[in-house]
PDB file of N, CA and C in Angstrom:
ATOM      1  N   MET A   1    -135.838-100.329 102.837  1.00  0.00           N
ATOM      2  CA  MET A   1    -135.145-100.841 102.067  1.00  0.00           C
ATOM      3  C   MET A   1    -133.866 -99.355 101.841  1.00  0.00           C
ATOM      4  N   SER A   2    -132.541-100.661 101.594  1.00  0.00           N
ATOM      5  CA  SER A   2    -130.991 -99.548 101.170  1.00  0.00           C
ATOM      6  C   SER A   2    -131.575 -99.974  99.316  1.00  0.00           C
ATOM      7  N   ARG A   3    -130.788 -98.454  99.204  1.00  0.00           N
ATOM      8  CA  ARG A   3    -130.338 -99.151  97.591  1.00  0.00           C
ATOM      9  C   ARG A   3    -129.473 -98.724  96.957  1.00  0.00           C
ATOM     10  N   PHE A   4    -128.400 -98.958  96.150  1.00  0.00           N
ATOM     11  CA  PHE A   4    -127.817 -98.963  96.072  1.00  0.00           C
ATOM     12  C   PHE A   4    -126.703 -99.224  94.321  1.00  0.00           C
ATOM     13  N   LEU A   5    -126.129 -98.754  94.294  1.00  0.00           N
ATOM     14  CA  LEU A   5    -125.067 -98.337  93.238  1.00  0.00           C
ATOM     15  C   LEU A   5    -124.157 -99.154  93.118  1.00  0.00           C
ATOM     16  N   VAL A   6    -123.999 -99.170  91.889  1.00  0.00           N
ATOM     17  CA  VAL A   6    -122.938-100.973  91.551  1.00  0.00           C
ATOM     18  C   VAL A   6    -122.177-100.423  90.397  1.00  0.00           C
ATOM     19  N   ALA A   7    -121.097-100.268  89.956  1.00  0.00           N
ATOM     20  CA  ALA A   7    -120.687-100.184  89.091  1.00  0.00           C
ATOM     21  C   ALA A   7    -119.362-100.853  88.847  1.00  0.00           C
ATOM     22  N   TYR A   8    -118.755-100.903  87.806  1.00  0.00           N
ATOM     23  CA  TYR A   8    -117.669-102.518  87.703  1.00  0.00           C
ATOM     24  C   TYR A   8    -116.916-102.064  86.320  1.00  0.00           C
ATOM     25  N   ASP A   9    -115.569-102.289  86.041  1.00  0.00           N
ATOM     26  CA  ASP A   9    -114.393-101.561  84.731  1.00  0.00           C
ATOM     27  C   ASP A   9    -113.552-103.449  85.710  1.00  0.00           C
ATOM     28  N   ILE A  10    -113.681-104.525  84.711  1.00  0.00           N
ATOM     29  CA  ILE A  10    -112.990-105.563  84.586  1.00  0.00           C
ATOM     30  C   ILE A  10    -113.011-105.899  83.149  1.00  0.00           C
ATOM     31  N   SER A  11    -112.311-105.567  82.609  1.00  0.00           N
ATOM     32  CA  SER A  11    -111.836-105.893  81.980  1.00  0.00           C
ATOM     33  C   SER A  11    -111.465-107.501  81.241  1.00  0.00           C
ATOM     34  N   GLU A  12    -111.056-108.835  81.668  1.00  0.00           N
ATOM     35  CA  GLU A  12    -111.325-109.729  82.091  1.00  0.00           C
ATOM     36  C   GLU A  12    -112.302-110.623  81.873  1.00  0.00           C
ATOM     37  N   ASP A  13    -112.771-110.930  80.749  1.00  0.00           N
ATOM     38  CA  ASP A  13    -114.595-111.633  80.173  1.00  0.00           C
ATOM     39  C   ASP A  13    -115.081-112.288  81.261  1.00  0.00           C
ATOM     40  N   ARG A  14    -114.317-113.795  81.670  1.00  0.00           N
ATOM     41  CA  ARG A  14    -114.299-115.057  82.950  1.00  0.00           C
ATOM     42  C   ARG A  14    -114.980-113.690  84.192  1.00  0.00           C
ATOM     43  N   SER A  15    -114.224-112.722  84.980  1.00  0.00           N
ATOM     44  CA  SER A  15    -114.713-112.793  85.643  1.00  0.00           C
ATOM     45  C   SER A  15    -115.194-111.701  85.983  1.00  0.00           C
ATOM     46  N   ARG A  16    -115.798-111.216  84.895  1.00  0.00           N
ATOM     47  CA  ARG A  16    -116.319-110.245  84.792  1.00  0.00           C
ATOM     48  C   ARG A  16    -117.955-111.085  84.439  1.00  0.00           C
ATOM     49  N   SER A  17    -117.771-112.090  83.621  1.00  0.00           N
ATOM     50  CA  SER A  17    -118.654-112.561  84.453  1.00  0.00           C
ATOM     51  C   SER A  17    -119.855-112.919  84.572  1.00  0.00           C
ATOM     52  N   ARG A  18    -118.760-113.701  85.542  1.00  0.00           N
ATOM     53  CA  ARG A  18    -119.112-113.973  87.462  1.00  0.00           C
ATOM     54  C   ARG A  18    -119.896-112.788  87.625  1.00  0.00           C
ATOM     55  N   VAL A  19    -118.941-111.602  87.220  1.00  0.00           N
ATOM     56  CA  VAL A  19    -119.544-110.183  88.222  1.00  0.00           C
ATOM     57  C   VAL A  19    -120.957-110.596  87.862  1.00  0.00           C
ATOM     58  N   VAL A  20    -121.087-110.693  86.422  1.00  0.00           N
ATOM     59  CA  VAL A  20    -123.020-110.251  86.059  1.00  0.00           C
ATOM     60  C   VAL A  20    -123.731-111.075  87.420  1.00  0.00           C
ATOM     61  N   ARG A  21    -123.371-112.103  86.550  1.00  0.00           N
ATOM     62  CA  ARG A  21    -124.034-113.161  87.213  1.00  0.00           C
ATOM     63  C   ARG A  21    -124.739-113.192  88.852  1.00  0.00           C
ATOM     64  N   VAL A  22    -123.523-112.464  89.747  1.00  0.00           N
ATOM     65  CA  VAL A  22    -124.134-112.234  90.910  1.00  0.00           C
ATOM     66  C   VAL A  22    -125.069-110.850  91.235  1.00  0.00           C
ATOM     67  N   LEU A  23    -124.587-110.108  90.136  1.00  0.00           N
ATOM     68  CA  LEU A  23    -125.417-109.089  91.238  1.00  0.00           C
ATOM     69  C   LEU A  23    -126.473-108.922  89.931  1.00  0.00           C
ATOM     70  N   GLU A  24    -127.208-109.914  88.981  1.00  0.00           N
ATOM     71  CA  GLU A  24    -128.437-110.011  88.666  1.00  0.00           C
ATOM     72  C   GLU A  24    -129.192-110.773  89.775  1.00  0.00           C
ATOM     73  N   ARG A  25    -129.025-111.341  90.656  1.00  0.00           N
ATOM     74  CA  ARG A  25    -129.874-112.097  91.103  1.00  0.00           C
ATOM     75  C   ARG A  25    -130.243-111.173  92.112  1.00  0.00           C
ATOM     76  N   PHE A  26    -129.426-109.829  92.200  1.00  0.00           N
ATOM     77  CA  PHE A  26    -129.765-108.750  93.828  1.00  0.00           C
ATOM     78  C   PHE A  26    -129.777-108.019  93.304  1.00  0.00           C
ATOM     79  N   GLY A  27    -130.188-106.874  91.656  1.00  0.00           N
ATOM     80  CA  GLY A  27    -130.264-106.100  91.243  1.00  0.00           C
ATOM     81  C   GLY A  27    -131.029-106.253  89.934  1.00  0.00           C
ATOM     82  N   VAL A  28    -131.030-105.332  89.753  1.00  0.00           N
ATOM     83  CA  VAL A  28    -131.888-104.384  87.970  1.00  0.00           C
ATOM     84  C   VAL A  28    -130.433-104.148  87.242  1.00  0.00           C
ATOM     85  N   ARG A  29    -130.313-104.365  86.185  1.00  0.00           N
ATOM     86  CA  ARG A  29    -129.796-103.740  84.940  1.00  0.00           C
ATOM     87  C   ARG A  29    -129.549-102.664  84.724  1.00  0.00           C
ATOM     88  N   MET A  30    -129.084-101.901  85.041  1.00  0.00           N
ATOM     89  CA  MET A  30    -129.594 -99.898  83.858  1.00  0.00           C
ATOM     90  C   MET A  30    -128.380 -99.720  83.126  1.00  0.00           C
ATOM     91  N   GLN A  31    -126.895-100.672  82.797  1.00  0.00           N
ATOM     92  CA  GLN A  31    -126.341-100.110  81.483  1.00  0.00           C
ATOM     93  C   GLN A  31    -125.513-101.772  81.912  1.00  0.00           C
ATOM     94  N   LYS A  32    -124.734-100.840  80.917  1.00  0.00           N
ATOM     95  CA  LYS A  32    -124.238-102.547  80.784  1.00  0.00           C
ATOM     96  C   LYS A  32    -122.914-103.270  81.600  1.00  0.00           C
ATOM     97  N   SER A  33    -122.663-102.089  82.614  1.00  0.00           N
ATOM     98  CA  SER A  33    -121.801-102.415  83.917  1.00  0.00           C
ATOM     99  C   SER A  33    -122.669-101.563  85.526  1.00  0.00           C
ATOM    100  N   VAL A  34    -123.393-101.308  85.189  1.00  0.00           N
ATOM    101  CA  VAL A  34    -124.116-101.074  86.292  1.00  0.00           C
ATOM    102  C   VAL A  34    -125.238-101.643  86.487  1.00  0.00           C
ATOM    103  N   PHE A  35    -125.905-101.954  87.870  1.00  0.00           N
ATOM    104  CA  PHE A  35    -126.626-102.250  88.415  1.00  0.00           C
ATOM    105  C   PHE A  35    -126.814-101.946  89.698  1.00  0.00           C
TER     106      PHE A  35
END
């Protein structure tokens, strides 16, 4: 099983929300912008 750390810095709310929805299906949110 592979492990990944995903961090992002997206200023646009709409784009950020889309990214969050996708990442929440695949991982656990550790902080606001880290999965």
